[in-house]
């Protein structure tokens, strides 16, 4: 990078916007390629990309001149802000996914800025290695992650109903229209259940759990009345409808969150009560799992609570 001092403007404002532009020119095409070309939402996108945004903008901005940590952070976060707005304006992502990814993106952009600041202050000629390494890591990791097998997870939610297992069973198999949700999470576009219907009885019957974005098609695999209803999921709708200026149909809305099976377990308790336990097994193709799994688990718990509470109310009426 020894030749950069001849190319970079000395004017602070011009240098700042050039730094932002360079970082965006590196991260933007790689992000589009990763999402639409490779089809991967993972470490390359959610970890390496914000590191690149923070470090590249800081290194270019601070090359061959003294900059403070505060100046470095400011340039890095301006770059992240413009990158995020571009995702919205060009209908690549919607508000909900960006909000969910924001804590990780902010932390890693700051870390990238810190690394870039240290590198350009101590070894200016070697700072370019960081930019090159992060730039190369994005497509490389995306290809590796794309072939990695997802991990199956489960979410269990339970409550106690003041009714017999026989009564509860009738409201588990199928239930009428639910009231409009009051939970904030369901007012953001996240899909939520409306009602459930079933065709047939016993193993082989097909249950439809209808959500705001479509229906889960659930053939029954275990029909142990009134103790256990188990089903597999052969078709499912999009997990959300993105909030955006446009009608977004992002790739992650299809086959990146996959529910494989579910069950309702009914346990008779003393004095005629029933413990109702709902379980969902799922996997997602979005990484890193340590960050996205808590989001998924929370949303599934809220869906379970909505359904189980509705079953409880209907069962106790009877």
Protein backbone atom coordinates (compact mmCIF):
# COMPACT_ATOMS: atom_id res chain seq x y z
CA UNK A 1 0.00 0.00 0.00
CA UNK A 2 3.02 2.28 -0.19
CA UNK A 3 1.66 3.97 -3.31
CA UNK A 4 -1.66 4.90 -1.70
CA UNK A 5 -0.41 8.17 -0.25
CA UNK A 6 -0.21 9.45 -3.83
CA UNK A 7 -3.77 8.37 -4.64
CA UNK A 8 -5.63 9.14 -1.42
CA UNK A 9 -6.92 12.70 -1.01
CA UNK A 10 -5.48 14.78 1.82
CA UNK A 11 -8.82 16.49 2.44
CA UNK A 12 -10.42 14.77 5.44
CA UNK A 13 -13.96 14.77 4.09
CA UNK A 14 -12.96 13.40 0.69
CA UNK A 15 -10.79 10.74 2.35
CA UNK A 16 -13.70 9.67 4.56
CA UNK A 17 -16.14 9.15 1.70
CA UNK A 18 -13.53 7.42 -0.41
CA UNK A 19 -12.91 5.04 2.51
CA UNK A 20 -16.62 4.26 2.69
CA UNK A 21 -16.82 3.74 -1.07
CA UNK A 22 -13.86 1.33 -1.13
CA UNK A 23 -15.31 -0.81 1.66
CA UNK A 24 -18.72 -0.92 -0.02
CA UNK A 25 -17.18 -1.75 -3.39
CA UNK A 26 -15.52 -4.80 -1.80
CA UNK A 27 -18.38 -6.03 0.39
CA UNK A 28 -21.36 -5.24 -1.85
CA UNK A 29 -20.68 -7.53 -4.83
CA UNK A 30 -19.48 -10.33 -2.55
CA UNK A 31 -22.70 -10.12 -0.52
CA UNK A 32 -24.89 -10.33 -3.63
CA UNK A 33 -22.81 -13.23 -4.96
CA UNK A 34 -23.01 -15.06 -1.64
CA UNK A 35 -26.78 -14.68 -1.29
CA UNK A 36 -27.96 -15.13 -4.87
CA UNK A 37 -25.04 -16.98 -6.44
CA UNK A 38 -23.89 -19.40 -3.74
CA UNK A 39 -27.14 -19.28 -1.78
CA UNK A 40 -25.52 -19.05 1.63
CA UNK A 41 -26.49 -17.10 4.75
CA UNK A 42 -23.68 -17.84 7.14
CA UNK A 43 -20.42 -16.83 8.75
CA UNK A 44 -19.19 -15.26 5.52
CA UNK A 45 -22.18 -12.89 5.47
CA UNK A 46 -22.85 -12.24 9.15
CA UNK A 47 -19.29 -12.26 10.56
CA UNK A 48 -16.67 -11.70 7.85
CA UNK A 49 -18.63 -9.04 5.93
CA UNK A 50 -19.04 -6.60 8.87
CA UNK A 51 -15.38 -7.21 9.80
CA UNK A 52 -14.45 -6.25 6.24
CA UNK A 53 -16.67 -3.16 6.29
CA UNK A 54 -15.10 -1.95 9.53
CA UNK A 55 -11.48 -2.77 8.77
CA UNK A 56 -11.33 -1.73 5.10
CA UNK A 57 -12.96 1.65 5.70
CA UNK A 58 -10.68 2.33 8.69
CA UNK A 59 -7.48 1.26 6.95
CA UNK A 60 -8.11 3.43 3.88
CA UNK A 61 -9.21 6.35 6.05
CA UNK A 62 -6.24 6.13 8.41
CA UNK A 63 -3.51 5.25 5.96
CA UNK A 64 -0.45 7.51 6.32
CA UNK A 65 -2.16 9.86 8.74
CA UNK A 66 -3.00 9.89 12.44
CA UNK A 67 -6.63 9.09 13.26
CA UNK A 68 -8.32 8.55 16.60
CA UNK A 69 -10.33 5.51 17.59
CA UNK A 70 -13.41 7.71 17.54
CA UNK A 71 -12.78 8.79 13.94
CA UNK A 72 -12.20 5.17 12.93
CA UNK A 73 -15.44 4.02 14.55
CA UNK A 74 -17.39 6.83 12.92
CA UNK A 75 -16.20 5.93 9.42
CA UNK A 76 -16.84 2.23 10.05
CA UNK A 77 -20.39 2.77 11.30
CA UNK A 78 -21.20 5.17 8.44
CA UNK A 79 -20.09 2.40 6.08
CA UNK A 80 -22.31 -0.14 7.85
CA UNK A 81 -25.26 2.27 7.77
CA UNK A 82 -24.97 2.86 4.02
CA UNK A 83 -24.49 -0.87 3.41
CA UNK A 84 -27.66 -1.59 5.41
CA UNK A 85 -29.68 1.08 3.61
CA UNK A 86 -28.54 -0.37 0.29
CA UNK A 87 -29.86 -3.79 1.33
CA UNK A 88 -33.25 -2.19 1.96
CA UNK A 89 -33.36 0.09 -1.08
CA UNK A 90 -32.34 -2.64 -3.52
CA UNK A 91 -34.80 -5.12 -1.96
CA UNK A 92 -32.09 -7.57 -0.91
CA UNK A 93 -33.28 -7.71 2.71
CA UNK A 94 -36.15 -6.44 4.83
CA UNK A 95 -36.33 -4.59 8.12
CA UNK A 96 -36.93 -7.61 10.37
CA UNK A 97 -33.87 -9.59 9.29
CA UNK A 98 -31.70 -6.50 9.48
CA UNK A 99 -32.92 -5.74 13.01
CA UNK A 100 -32.23 -9.33 14.06
CA UNK A 101 -28.71 -9.23 12.60
CA UNK A 102 -27.95 -5.71 13.90
CA UNK A 103 -26.36 -6.62 17.28
CA UNK A 104 -23.87 -8.96 15.62
CA UNK A 105 -23.19 -6.55 12.75
CA UNK A 106 -22.55 -3.60 15.08
CA UNK A 107 -20.19 -5.58 17.30
CA UNK A 108 -18.17 -6.99 14.40
CA UNK A 109 -18.01 -3.70 12.51
CA UNK A 110 -16.59 -2.11 15.64
CA UNK A 111 -14.11 -4.99 16.01
CA UNK A 112 -13.10 -4.62 12.35
CA UNK A 113 -12.57 -0.90 12.91
CA UNK A 114 -10.39 -1.61 15.94
CA UNK A 115 -8.28 -4.15 14.05
CA UNK A 116 -7.95 -1.81 11.08
CA UNK A 117 -6.94 1.10 13.31
CA UNK A 118 -4.26 -0.98 15.06
CA UNK A 119 -2.94 -2.40 11.80
CA UNK A 120 -2.65 0.89 9.94
CA UNK A 121 -1.08 2.59 12.97
CA UNK A 122 1.56 -0.07 13.64
CA UNK A 123 2.21 -1.74 10.28
CA UNK A 124 0.78 0.44 7.49
CA UNK A 125 2.42 -1.57 4.71
CA UNK A 126 0.98 -4.82 6.06
CA UNK A 127 -2.55 -3.52 6.64
CA UNK A 128 -3.52 -4.51 3.11
CA UNK A 129 -3.13 -8.16 4.15
CA UNK A 130 -6.16 -7.81 6.43
CA UNK A 131 -8.30 -6.45 3.59
CA UNK A 132 -7.14 -9.13 1.16
CA UNK A 133 -7.59 -11.94 3.70
CA UNK A 134 -11.13 -10.88 4.66
CA UNK A 135 -12.12 -10.32 1.03
CA UNK A 136 -10.89 -13.79 0.05
CA UNK A 137 -12.50 -15.38 3.11
CA UNK A 138 -16.05 -14.35 2.16
CA UNK A 139 -16.51 -16.52 -0.96
CA UNK A 140 -14.24 -19.27 0.39
CA UNK A 141 -16.26 -19.69 3.59
CA UNK A 142 -19.55 -19.40 1.72
CA UNK A 143 -18.62 -22.36 -0.51
CA UNK A 144 -17.49 -24.45 2.50
CA UNK A 145 -20.58 -23.63 4.57
CA UNK A 146 -22.93 -24.37 1.70
CA UNK A 147 -22.05 -28.08 1.86
CA UNK A 148 -22.21 -28.37 5.67
CA UNK A 149 -25.10 -30.46 7.02
CA UNK A 150 -27.53 -28.50 9.26
CA UNK A 151 -28.08 -29.52 12.89
CA UNK A 152 -31.54 -30.60 14.06
CA UNK A 153 -32.90 -28.74 17.09
CA UNK A 154 -36.05 -29.03 19.17
CA UNK A 155 -38.18 -26.59 21.15
CA UNK A 156 -40.52 -27.76 23.93
CA UNK A 157 -43.25 -25.64 25.53
CA UNK A 158 -45.79 -26.80 28.11
CA UNK A 159 -48.65 -25.61 30.30
CA UNK A 160 -51.27 -27.07 32.63
CA UNK A 161 -54.92 -27.13 31.59
CA UNK A 162 -57.83 -27.48 33.98
CA UNK A 163 -59.55 -30.14 31.86
CA UNK A 164 -59.29 -33.87 31.19
CA UNK A 165 -56.93 -35.30 28.54
CA UNK A 166 -59.97 -36.41 26.49
CA UNK A 167 -61.29 -32.84 26.34
CA UNK A 168 -57.88 -31.37 25.60
CA UNK A 169 -57.30 -33.94 22.84
CA UNK A 170 -60.31 -32.71 20.87
CA UNK A 171 -58.91 -29.19 20.89
CA UNK A 172 -55.41 -30.34 19.96
CA UNK A 173 -56.36 -32.27 16.84
CA UNK A 174 -58.11 -29.24 15.36
CA UNK A 175 -58.96 -25.84 16.76
CA UNK A 176 -61.03 -22.85 15.59
CA UNK A 177 -59.87 -19.37 14.68
CA UNK A 178 -57.47 -17.74 17.12
CA UNK A 179 -57.87 -14.14 18.21
CA UNK A 180 -55.61 -11.48 16.75
CA UNK A 181 -52.24 -11.58 18.50
CA UNK A 182 -51.23 -8.97 21.03
CA UNK A 183 -47.57 -10.00 21.13
CA UNK A 184 -45.21 -7.49 19.51
CA UNK A 185 -43.24 -10.21 17.72
CA UNK A 186 -46.29 -11.11 15.61
CA UNK A 187 -46.87 -7.51 14.57
CA UNK A 188 -43.51 -7.37 12.80
CA UNK A 189 -44.29 -9.76 9.97
CA UNK A 190 -43.36 -13.02 11.70
CA UNK A 191 -45.88 -15.69 10.65
CA UNK A 192 -48.29 -16.87 13.34
CA UNK A 193 -50.98 -19.60 13.51
CA UNK A 194 -54.60 -18.79 12.69
CA UNK A 195 -56.37 -22.15 13.07
CA UNK A 196 -55.93 -25.88 12.50
CA UNK A 197 -58.02 -28.42 10.57
CA UNK A 198 -57.71 -32.15 9.99
CA UNK A 199 -58.91 -34.57 7.30
CA UNK A 200 -59.42 -38.12 8.54
CA UNK A 201 -58.58 -39.77 11.85
CA UNK A 202 -55.71 -41.93 13.04
CA UNK A 203 -52.33 -42.45 11.46
CA UNK A 204 -52.34 -41.11 7.90
CA UNK A 205 -54.81 -38.31 8.58
CA UNK A 206 -53.58 -34.94 7.34
CA UNK A 207 -53.58 -31.96 9.63
CA UNK A 208 -53.29 -28.39 8.32
CA UNK A 209 -51.99 -25.76 10.72
CA UNK A 210 -52.81 -22.52 8.96
CA UNK A 211 -50.51 -19.52 9.42
CA UNK A 212 -50.70 -15.97 8.13
CA UNK A 213 -48.32 -16.86 5.29
CA UNK A 214 -49.82 -20.25 4.37
CA UNK A 215 -50.33 -23.78 5.72
CA UNK A 216 -48.16 -26.38 7.39
CA UNK A 217 -49.18 -29.76 5.94
CA UNK A 218 -48.78 -32.37 8.67
CA UNK A 219 -49.52 -36.07 8.03
CA UNK A 220 -50.13 -37.85 11.34
CA UNK A 221 -47.51 -40.48 12.26
CA UNK A 222 -48.66 -41.32 15.84
CA UNK A 223 -52.30 -41.21 16.97
CA UNK A 224 -52.38 -42.36 20.58
CA UNK A 225 -55.60 -40.85 21.85
CA UNK A 226 -55.62 -39.05 24.30
CA UNK A 227 -51.88 -39.14 25.05
CA UNK A 228 -49.78 -38.38 21.99
CA UNK A 229 -50.32 -36.80 18.58
CA UNK A 230 -47.23 -36.78 16.40
CA UNK A 231 -46.83 -35.62 12.82
CA UNK A 232 -44.24 -34.89 10.18
CA UNK A 233 -44.15 -31.71 8.13
CA UNK A 234 -44.18 -32.21 4.36
CA UNK A 235 -44.89 -28.63 3.32
CA UNK A 236 -44.57 -25.28 5.04
CA UNK A 237 -45.08 -21.59 4.24
CA UNK A 238 -42.60 -18.73 4.50
CA UNK A 239 -41.65 -17.97 8.11
CA UNK A 240 -42.34 -14.26 7.74
CA UNK A 241 -43.36 -11.43 5.47
CA UNK A 242 -40.60 -8.87 5.37
CA UNK A 243 -41.23 -5.21 6.12
CA UNK A 244 -39.81 -3.23 3.23
CA UNK A 245 -40.42 -0.54 0.64
CA UNK A 246 -40.88 -3.36 -1.87
CA UNK A 247 -42.41 -6.81 -2.00
CA UNK A 248 -39.34 -8.79 -0.92
CA UNK A 249 -38.96 -12.47 -1.68
CA UNK A 250 -35.50 -13.03 -0.20
CA UNK A 251 -33.93 -16.49 -0.60
CA UNK A 252 -33.86 -17.03 3.18
CA UNK A 253 -37.68 -17.13 3.19
CA UNK A 254 -37.55 -20.47 1.39
CA UNK A 255 -35.98 -23.61 2.85
CA UNK A 256 -33.64 -21.80 5.22
CA UNK A 257 -35.85 -22.47 8.25
CA UNK A 258 -37.30 -25.98 8.01
CA UNK A 259 -39.70 -27.61 10.46
CA UNK A 260 -39.40 -31.40 10.12
CA UNK A 261 -41.91 -32.75 12.66
CA UNK A 262 -43.90 -31.91 15.74
CA UNK A 263 -45.99 -33.43 18.49
CA UNK A 264 -48.49 -32.77 21.27
CA UNK A 265 -48.04 -34.84 24.40
CA UNK A 266 -50.87 -35.00 26.96
CA UNK A 267 -50.20 -36.16 30.53
CA UNK A 268 -53.02 -36.71 33.03
CA UNK A 269 -52.44 -34.90 36.33
CA UNK A 270 -54.16 -35.20 39.72
CA UNK A 271 -57.58 -33.55 40.18
CA UNK A 272 -58.49 -33.89 36.51
CA UNK A 273 -55.89 -31.56 35.05
CA UNK A 274 -53.73 -32.15 31.97
CA UNK A 275 -50.18 -31.16 31.19
CA UNK A 276 -50.00 -30.29 27.50
CA UNK A 277 -46.57 -30.27 25.93
CA UNK A 278 -45.87 -29.07 22.38
CA UNK A 279 -42.60 -29.91 20.60
CA UNK A 280 -41.22 -28.75 17.26
CA UNK A 281 -38.14 -30.21 15.58
CA UNK A 282 -36.44 -27.94 13.09
CA UNK A 283 -33.20 -26.98 11.42
CA UNK A 284 -32.06 -23.86 9.65
CA UNK A 285 -29.43 -23.18 7.04
CA UNK A 286 -28.48 -19.84 8.55
CA UNK A 287 -25.23 -19.56 10.47
CA UNK A 288 -23.64 -19.03 12.91
CA UNK A 289 -26.01 -21.31 14.80
CA UNK A 290 -25.03 -19.94 18.22
CA UNK A 291 -26.48 -16.57 17.19
CA UNK A 292 -29.54 -17.55 15.16
CA UNK A 293 -30.74 -20.54 17.20
CA UNK A 294 -31.87 -18.40 20.20
CA UNK A 295 -33.88 -16.22 17.80
CA UNK A 296 -35.52 -19.29 16.27
CA UNK A 297 -36.19 -20.87 19.66
CA UNK A 298 -37.78 -17.68 20.97
CA UNK A 299 -40.09 -17.34 17.96
CA UNK A 300 -41.13 -21.02 18.12
CA UNK A 301 -41.82 -20.71 21.86
CA UNK A 302 -44.08 -17.73 21.17
CA UNK A 303 -45.93 -19.69 18.49
CA UNK A 304 -46.30 -22.65 20.86
CA UNK A 305 -47.59 -20.39 23.64
CA UNK A 306 -50.16 -18.86 21.30
CA UNK A 307 -51.46 -22.30 20.27
CA UNK A 308 -51.31 -23.92 23.72
CA UNK A 309 -53.04 -20.97 25.38
CA UNK A 310 -55.80 -21.13 22.77
CA UNK A 311 -56.23 -24.87 23.40
CA UNK A 312 -56.30 -24.20 27.15
CA UNK A 313 -59.03 -21.55 26.84
CA UNK A 314 -61.20 -23.73 24.59
CA UNK A 315 -60.73 -26.84 26.74
CA UNK A 316 -61.54 -25.08 30.01
CA UNK A 317 -64.70 -23.59 28.47
CA UNK A 318 -65.96 -27.08 27.86
